C-alpha cells in the first residue's frame, strides 16, 4: 500500500510539472500514518494534530456555556479520546468514512458516547481531513479536538451501540 501511495505521489508530481501548475500536495508522514494533504496550517495546534483537519485549518473557541459532543469508539483503548464531533451517526460505516477512521488504527466505531464539556473549555474545531486511501476515508465530518480528555469536569455518558455495517477498503 505504501508503494502504491508513493507511486501516486510521484505520478501527480510529474503531471504537475508537465502542465506548469502549482505543485500538488505531497503526502505527509507522521509516525506510521500517511496523511492525504499538506500541513500548511492556520490551526494553532501542533502539525501532527492540525493535519487531521481539512487543509490543516481549525478554529480555537472557548466555550461560553457547556456543550455536548459525541465520541465514537469500539474498545476501552479508544473510548476517552481527544477527538470529538457534533455529528451524530447511526452506523459505524458513516463514522469510519466521515471521520476518516483508518481501520489500521483499531477504532471500529461500534458505540457512541455523549460528551459534555464545561463552560470555559478551549476547543479546536473544523472539518475532518481525508486519510489515505481517500476513497475509503474521505472525511468531511465535523471534528472537535480537546487538549485534555482526562479533565474531571468532562461528563462522559455511555450511549447506544451503532448499527454495524461491514466495511471493506480495496
Protein backbone atom coordinates (compact mmCIF):
# COMPACT_ATOMS: atom_id res chain seq x y z
CA UNK A 1 0.00 0.00 0.00
CA UNK A 2 2.90 2.39 0.76
CA UNK A 3 4.41 1.66 -2.67
CA UNK A 4 1.10 2.46 -4.34
CA UNK A 5 0.83 5.75 -2.39
CA UNK A 6 4.38 6.69 -3.33
CA UNK A 7 3.65 5.88 -6.99
CA UNK A 8 0.56 8.07 -6.95
CA UNK A 9 2.50 10.92 -5.35
CA UNK A 10 5.32 10.65 -7.91
CA UNK A 11 2.83 10.43 -10.78
CA UNK A 12 0.95 13.52 -9.59
CA UNK A 13 4.21 15.45 -9.22
CA UNK A 14 5.24 14.57 -12.77
CA UNK A 15 1.84 15.68 -14.11
CA UNK A 16 2.12 18.88 -12.13
CA UNK A 17 5.49 19.69 -13.72
CA UNK A 18 4.25 18.84 -17.23
CA UNK A 19 1.41 21.34 -17.03
CA UNK A 20 3.40 24.05 -15.22
CA UNK A 21 0.87 24.42 -12.44
CA UNK A 22 1.40 24.91 -8.74
CA UNK A 23 2.79 21.77 -7.10
CA UNK A 24 0.23 19.29 -5.86
CA UNK A 25 0.15 18.48 -2.16
CA UNK A 26 2.65 15.86 -1.11
CA UNK A 27 1.89 13.15 1.37
CA UNK A 28 2.83 13.95 4.95
CA UNK A 29 4.41 11.34 7.17
CA UNK A 30 3.68 11.34 10.88
CA UNK A 31 4.83 8.26 12.74
CA UNK A 32 3.27 5.41 10.79
CA UNK A 33 0.34 7.45 9.50
CA UNK A 34 0.17 8.80 5.96
CA UNK A 35 -1.92 11.94 5.55
CA UNK A 36 -3.57 12.89 2.30
CA UNK A 37 -2.78 16.59 2.45
CA UNK A 38 -0.10 19.17 3.17
CA UNK A 39 0.21 20.76 6.58
CA UNK A 40 0.09 24.45 5.74
CA UNK A 41 -1.59 25.26 8.99
CA UNK A 42 -3.84 28.05 10.15
CA UNK A 43 -4.56 25.86 13.16
CA UNK A 44 -2.77 26.75 16.43
CA UNK A 45 -2.18 23.07 17.26
CA UNK A 46 0.98 21.02 16.62
CA UNK A 47 1.32 19.88 13.00
CA UNK A 48 0.60 16.24 13.86
CA UNK A 49 -2.86 17.29 15.09
CA UNK A 50 -3.51 20.20 12.70
CA UNK A 51 -3.10 17.91 9.68
CA UNK A 52 -6.14 15.89 10.83
CA UNK A 53 -8.27 18.96 9.94
CA UNK A 54 -9.10 19.67 6.30
CA UNK A 55 -6.36 21.90 4.86
CA UNK A 56 -4.90 21.99 8.39
CA UNK A 57 -7.49 24.62 9.29
CA UNK A 58 -9.17 24.75 12.65
CA UNK A 59 -10.65 27.41 14.83
CA UNK A 60 -9.86 27.86 18.52
CA UNK A 61 -13.03 28.50 20.54
CA UNK A 62 -13.53 29.00 24.27
CA UNK A 63 -16.94 27.63 25.23
CA UNK A 64 -19.18 30.25 26.85
CA UNK A 65 -21.54 27.56 28.12
CA UNK A 66 -21.39 23.79 28.38
CA UNK A 67 -21.81 21.94 25.12
CA UNK A 68 -22.45 18.32 24.16
CA UNK A 69 -20.40 16.39 21.60
CA UNK A 70 -20.09 12.74 20.56
CA UNK A 71 -17.25 10.24 20.67
CA UNK A 72 -17.31 7.01 18.67
CA UNK A 73 -15.28 4.04 19.87
CA UNK A 74 -15.07 0.26 19.88
CA UNK A 75 -12.80 -0.63 22.81
CA UNK A 76 -11.63 0.80 26.12
CA UNK A 77 -8.33 1.79 24.45
CA UNK A 78 -10.09 4.37 22.28
CA UNK A 79 -13.07 5.26 24.48
CA UNK A 80 -11.91 8.53 26.09
CA UNK A 81 -10.06 10.32 23.33
CA UNK A 82 -9.38 13.93 22.43
CA UNK A 83 -11.23 13.86 19.10
CA UNK A 84 -14.97 14.54 19.31
CA UNK A 85 -17.68 15.59 16.88
CA UNK A 86 -21.03 17.36 16.85
CA UNK A 87 -22.21 14.92 14.17
CA UNK A 88 -24.48 12.10 15.22
CA UNK A 89 -24.32 8.96 13.09
CA UNK A 90 -26.41 5.80 13.09
CA UNK A 91 -23.95 3.35 11.53
CA UNK A 92 -20.29 2.55 12.08
CA UNK A 93 -19.72 2.86 8.33
CA UNK A 94 -20.85 6.51 8.36
CA UNK A 95 -18.46 7.21 11.24
CA UNK A 96 -15.49 5.42 9.64
CA UNK A 97 -15.89 7.29 6.36
CA UNK A 98 -16.92 10.77 7.59
CA UNK A 99 -14.45 10.88 10.49
CA UNK A 100 -11.74 9.19 8.36
CA UNK A 101 -11.04 6.45 10.91
CA UNK A 102 -8.40 4.39 9.16
CA UNK A 103 -9.13 0.85 10.30
CA UNK A 104 -5.43 0.13 10.82
CA UNK A 105 -5.70 2.41 13.88
CA UNK A 106 -8.11 -0.01 15.58
CA UNK A 107 -11.24 2.09 16.16
CA UNK A 108 -14.17 0.20 14.63
CA UNK A 109 -16.67 2.86 15.85
CA UNK A 110 -19.29 0.48 17.21
CA UNK A 111 -20.50 2.59 20.17
CA UNK A 112 -21.29 6.25 20.80
CA UNK A 113 -20.57 8.31 23.93
CA UNK A 114 -22.23 11.62 24.74
CA UNK A 115 -19.55 14.04 25.96
CA UNK A 116 -20.44 17.28 27.74
CA UNK A 117 -17.66 19.84 28.00
CA UNK A 118 -17.94 22.55 30.67
CA UNK A 119 -18.07 26.29 30.00
CA UNK A 120 -14.57 27.72 29.74
CA UNK A 121 -13.15 24.71 27.88
CA UNK A 122 -10.98 25.62 24.90
CA UNK A 123 -11.78 23.50 21.85
CA UNK A 124 -10.43 23.39 18.32
CA UNK A 125 -12.96 22.73 15.60
CA UNK A 126 -13.03 22.21 11.87
CA UNK A 127 -13.67 19.62 9.19
CA UNK A 128 -12.10 16.15 9.19
CA UNK A 129 -9.33 15.75 6.62
CA UNK A 130 -9.27 12.68 4.38
CA UNK A 131 -6.87 9.86 5.18
CA UNK A 132 -5.25 7.58 2.66
CA UNK A 133 -6.68 5.89 0.75
CA UNK A 134 -9.10 8.81 0.33
CA UNK A 135 -11.71 6.72 -1.50
CA UNK A 136 -12.11 4.73 1.73
CA UNK A 137 -11.63 7.55 4.25
CA UNK A 138 -12.87 10.77 2.63
CA UNK A 139 -13.53 12.68 5.86
CA UNK A 140 -15.74 15.76 5.66
CA UNK A 141 -17.43 15.37 9.06
CA UNK A 142 -17.21 17.93 11.86
CA UNK A 143 -14.22 17.46 14.16
CA UNK A 144 -13.53 18.91 17.58
CA UNK A 145 -10.21 18.46 19.36
CA UNK A 146 -9.70 18.93 23.11
CA UNK A 147 -6.34 19.15 24.86
CA UNK A 148 -7.25 17.15 27.98
CA UNK A 149 -9.74 14.29 27.77
CA UNK A 150 -8.95 13.43 31.41
CA UNK A 151 -10.37 16.71 32.76
CA UNK A 152 -12.60 15.61 35.68
CA UNK A 153 -15.21 18.24 34.71
CA UNK A 154 -15.98 16.47 31.43
CA UNK A 155 -19.10 14.29 31.59
CA UNK A 156 -18.87 11.07 29.59
CA UNK A 157 -22.27 9.35 29.21
CA UNK A 158 -22.48 5.89 27.71
CA UNK A 159 -24.57 5.76 24.59
CA UNK A 160 -26.00 3.08 22.39
CA UNK A 161 -24.39 0.64 20.04
CA UNK A 162 -24.42 1.74 16.44
CA UNK A 163 -25.85 -0.24 13.55
CA UNK A 164 -22.91 -2.30 12.32
CA UNK A 165 -22.30 -2.47 8.59
CA UNK A 166 -19.37 -4.29 7.08
CA UNK A 167 -16.52 -2.08 5.92
CA UNK A 168 -14.09 -3.04 3.24
CA UNK A 169 -11.50 -0.96 1.53
CA UNK A 170 -9.86 -2.18 -1.66
